[in-house]
Amino acid sequence: MSDYDDSKQLADLNAELETEVDHLQDRFDPEAGKLEVLGIKPRKAAVAARFLTLAWAPKQADGDQLKAAWK
């Protein structure tokens, strides 16, 4: 094959690639499709708590006010 044939083949492949890319962009354009909002309730069996955290900030009464007990 000559350099001309290689260049032509490369140009043809690039043109084919561009056509395919344009087709895919049109097909998967997020603004082209209609979105539908669905509400899905989880099943109790599908929900699991992995971590449980307890935060406690003790307060101490000082007259009419509550003050932090750790100060």
N, C-alpha and C. Protein backbone atom coordinates (compact mmCIF):
# COMPACT_ATOMS: atom_id res chain seq x y z
N MET A 1 0.84 -1.19 0.00
CA MET A 1 0.00 0.00 0.00
C MET A 1 0.88 1.25 0.00
N SER A 2 0.41 2.22 -0.65
CA SER A 2 1.16 3.47 -0.70
C SER A 2 0.72 4.38 0.44
N ASP A 3 1.47 5.45 0.62
CA ASP A 3 1.13 6.43 1.66
C ASP A 3 -0.22 7.06 1.37
N TYR A 4 -0.53 7.23 0.06
CA TYR A 4 -1.83 7.82 -0.32
C TYR A 4 -2.97 6.91 0.14
N ASP A 5 -2.82 5.59 -0.08
CA ASP A 5 -3.85 4.63 0.32
C ASP A 5 -4.01 4.62 1.84
N ASP A 6 -2.90 4.68 2.56
CA ASP A 6 -2.96 4.70 4.02
C ASP A 6 -3.64 5.96 4.52
N SER A 7 -3.32 7.10 3.92
CA SER A 7 -3.92 8.37 4.33
C SER A 7 -5.41 8.38 4.03
N LYS A 8 -5.78 7.83 2.87
CA LYS A 8 -7.20 7.77 2.50
C LYS A 8 -7.96 6.85 3.45
N GLN A 9 -7.36 5.72 3.77
CA GLN A 9 -8.00 4.77 4.68
C GLN A 9 -8.16 5.41 6.07
N LEU A 10 -7.14 6.12 6.53
CA LEU A 10 -7.21 6.80 7.82
C LEU A 10 -8.29 7.88 7.80
N ALA A 11 -8.38 8.64 6.72
CA ALA A 11 -9.40 9.68 6.60
C ALA A 11 -10.79 9.06 6.59
N ASP A 12 -10.95 7.94 5.90
CA ASP A 12 -12.25 7.24 5.86
C ASP A 12 -12.63 6.74 7.25
N LEU A 13 -11.66 6.18 7.95
CA LEU A 13 -11.93 5.69 9.32
C LEU A 13 -12.29 6.84 10.26
N ASN A 14 -11.60 7.97 10.12
CA ASN A 14 -11.91 9.14 10.95
C ASN A 14 -13.31 9.66 10.66
N ALA A 15 -13.68 9.68 9.38
CA ALA A 15 -15.02 10.13 9.01
C ALA A 15 -16.08 9.18 9.57
N GLU A 16 -15.82 7.89 9.50
CA GLU A 16 -16.75 6.90 10.05
C GLU A 16 -16.87 7.06 11.57
N LEU A 17 -15.74 7.29 12.20
CA LEU A 17 -15.73 7.49 13.66
C LEU A 17 -16.55 8.73 14.03
N GLU A 18 -16.36 9.82 13.32
CA GLU A 18 -17.11 11.05 13.60
C GLU A 18 -18.61 10.82 13.43
N THR A 19 -18.98 10.07 12.39
CA THR A 19 -20.40 9.77 12.16
C THR A 19 -20.97 8.97 13.32
N GLU A 20 -20.23 7.96 13.76
CA GLU A 20 -20.68 7.13 14.89
C GLU A 20 -20.77 7.94 16.18
N VAL A 21 -19.80 8.80 16.42
CA VAL A 21 -19.81 9.64 17.63
C VAL A 21 -21.01 10.58 17.60
N ASP A 22 -21.28 11.19 16.46
CA ASP A 22 -22.45 12.08 16.35
C ASP A 22 -23.74 11.30 16.60
N HIS A 23 -23.82 10.10 16.06
CA HIS A 23 -25.01 9.26 16.25
C HIS A 23 -25.19 8.93 17.73
N LEU A 24 -24.11 8.56 18.40
CA LEU A 24 -24.19 8.23 19.83
C LEU A 24 -24.53 9.45 20.67
N GLN A 25 -23.99 10.61 20.33
CA GLN A 25 -24.30 11.83 21.08
C GLN A 25 -25.77 12.18 20.94
N ASP A 26 -26.33 12.01 19.74
CA ASP A 26 -27.75 12.27 19.55
C ASP A 26 -28.60 11.26 20.31
N ARG A 27 -28.16 10.03 20.31
CA ARG A 27 -28.93 8.95 20.95
C ARG A 27 -28.94 9.09 22.47
N PHE A 28 -27.84 9.51 23.04
CA PHE A 28 -27.72 9.57 24.50
C PHE A 28 -27.71 10.99 25.03
N ASP A 29 -28.29 11.92 24.30
CA ASP A 29 -28.39 13.31 24.74
C ASP A 29 -29.36 13.38 25.91
N PRO A 30 -28.91 13.82 27.11
CA PRO A 30 -29.80 13.84 28.27
C PRO A 30 -30.95 14.83 28.14
N GLU A 31 -30.80 15.85 27.31
CA GLU A 31 -31.87 16.82 27.14
C GLU A 31 -32.90 16.37 26.12
N ALA A 32 -32.58 15.35 25.34
CA ALA A 32 -33.50 14.88 24.31
C ALA A 32 -34.60 13.99 24.88
N GLY A 33 -34.32 13.33 25.99
CA GLY A 33 -35.29 12.40 26.56
C GLY A 33 -36.18 13.05 27.59
N LYS A 34 -37.28 12.39 27.88
CA LYS A 34 -38.21 12.85 28.89
C LYS A 34 -37.89 12.14 30.21
N LEU A 35 -37.73 12.91 31.27
CA LEU A 35 -37.44 12.34 32.58
C LEU A 35 -38.73 12.18 33.37
N GLU A 36 -38.80 11.09 34.07
CA GLU A 36 -39.97 10.81 34.89
C GLU A 36 -39.51 10.61 36.33
N VAL A 37 -40.17 11.27 37.26
CA VAL A 37 -39.81 11.17 38.67
C VAL A 37 -40.60 10.02 39.29
N LEU A 38 -39.90 9.12 39.93
CA LEU A 38 -40.53 7.98 40.58
C LEU A 38 -40.20 8.02 42.06
N GLY A 39 -41.20 7.76 42.89
CA GLY A 39 -40.97 7.62 44.32
C GLY A 39 -40.92 6.14 44.66
N ILE A 40 -39.83 5.72 45.25
CA ILE A 40 -39.66 4.31 45.58
C ILE A 40 -39.48 4.18 47.08
N LYS A 41 -40.36 3.43 47.72
CA LYS A 41 -40.26 3.21 49.16
C LYS A 41 -39.38 1.99 49.41
N PRO A 42 -38.41 2.12 50.30
CA PRO A 42 -37.55 0.96 50.59
C PRO A 42 -38.30 -0.06 51.45
N ARG A 43 -37.97 -1.30 51.26
CA ARG A 43 -38.50 -2.36 52.11
C ARG A 43 -37.70 -2.38 53.41
N LYS A 44 -38.33 -2.76 54.48
CA LYS A 44 -37.63 -2.81 55.77
C LYS A 44 -36.43 -3.75 55.71
N ALA A 45 -36.55 -4.82 54.96
CA ALA A 45 -35.45 -5.78 54.85
C ALA A 45 -34.27 -5.21 54.07
N ALA A 46 -34.51 -4.18 53.26
CA ALA A 46 -33.45 -3.62 52.43
C ALA A 46 -32.72 -2.46 53.11
N VAL A 47 -33.14 -2.10 54.34
CA VAL A 47 -32.53 -0.98 55.04
C VAL A 47 -31.73 -1.54 56.22
N ALA A 48 -30.49 -1.12 56.32
CA ALA A 48 -29.63 -1.57 57.42
C ALA A 48 -28.83 -0.38 57.95
N ALA A 49 -28.77 -0.25 59.26
CA ALA A 49 -27.96 0.80 59.88
C ALA A 49 -26.57 0.23 60.13
N ARG A 50 -25.58 0.85 59.51
CA ARG A 50 -24.21 0.35 59.68
C ARG A 50 -23.52 0.98 60.88
N PHE A 51 -23.83 2.24 61.14
CA PHE A 51 -23.19 2.94 62.24
C PHE A 51 -24.24 3.63 63.09
N LEU A 52 -24.05 3.61 64.37
CA LEU A 52 -24.93 4.31 65.29
C LEU A 52 -24.04 5.18 66.16
N THR A 53 -24.35 6.45 66.21
CA THR A 53 -23.54 7.40 66.96
C THR A 53 -24.43 8.11 67.97
N LEU A 54 -23.91 8.26 69.17
CA LEU A 54 -24.63 8.97 70.21
C LEU A 54 -23.80 10.20 70.60
N ALA A 55 -24.41 11.34 70.53
CA ALA A 55 -23.75 12.58 70.94
C ALA A 55 -24.49 13.11 72.16
N TRP A 56 -23.74 13.43 73.20
CA TRP A 56 -24.35 13.87 74.44
C TRP A 56 -23.58 15.08 74.95
N ALA A 57 -24.30 16.12 75.24
CA ALA A 57 -23.69 17.33 75.78
C ALA A 57 -24.43 17.65 77.08
N PRO A 58 -23.89 17.21 78.22
CA PRO A 58 -24.58 17.42 79.49
C PRO A 58 -24.65 18.91 79.86
N LYS A 59 -25.79 19.29 80.39
CA LYS A 59 -26.02 20.66 80.83
C LYS A 59 -26.28 20.66 82.33
N GLN A 60 -25.99 21.79 82.94
CA GLN A 60 -26.18 21.94 84.37
C GLN A 60 -26.99 23.22 84.62
N ALA A 61 -28.01 23.08 85.45
CA ALA A 61 -28.87 24.23 85.74
C ALA A 61 -28.11 25.21 86.62
N ASP A 62 -28.15 26.49 86.23
CA ASP A 62 -27.55 27.56 87.01
C ASP A 62 -28.58 28.68 87.07
N GLY A 63 -29.47 28.60 88.02
CA GLY A 63 -30.56 29.55 88.10
C GLY A 63 -31.57 29.26 87.00
N ASP A 64 -31.83 30.26 86.17
CA ASP A 64 -32.77 30.11 85.07
C ASP A 64 -32.07 29.66 83.77
N GLN A 65 -30.78 29.52 83.80
CA GLN A 65 -30.02 29.19 82.59
C GLN A 65 -29.42 27.80 82.70
N LEU A 66 -29.20 27.21 81.54
CA LEU A 66 -28.48 25.94 81.46
C LEU A 66 -27.07 26.24 80.96
N LYS A 67 -26.09 25.70 81.65
CA LYS A 67 -24.69 25.89 81.25
C LYS A 67 -24.07 24.52 80.99
N ALA A 68 -23.08 24.52 80.16
CA ALA A 68 -22.38 23.28 79.85
C ALA A 68 -21.75 22.73 81.12
N ALA A 69 -21.96 21.44 81.36
CA ALA A 69 -21.47 20.82 82.60
C ALA A 69 -20.00 20.47 82.52
N TRP A 70 -19.40 20.50 81.34
CA TRP A 70 -18.00 20.11 81.22
C TRP A 70 -17.04 21.28 81.33
N LYS A 71 -17.53 22.50 81.48
CA LYS A 71 -16.65 23.65 81.61
C LYS A 71 -16.30 23.91 83.04
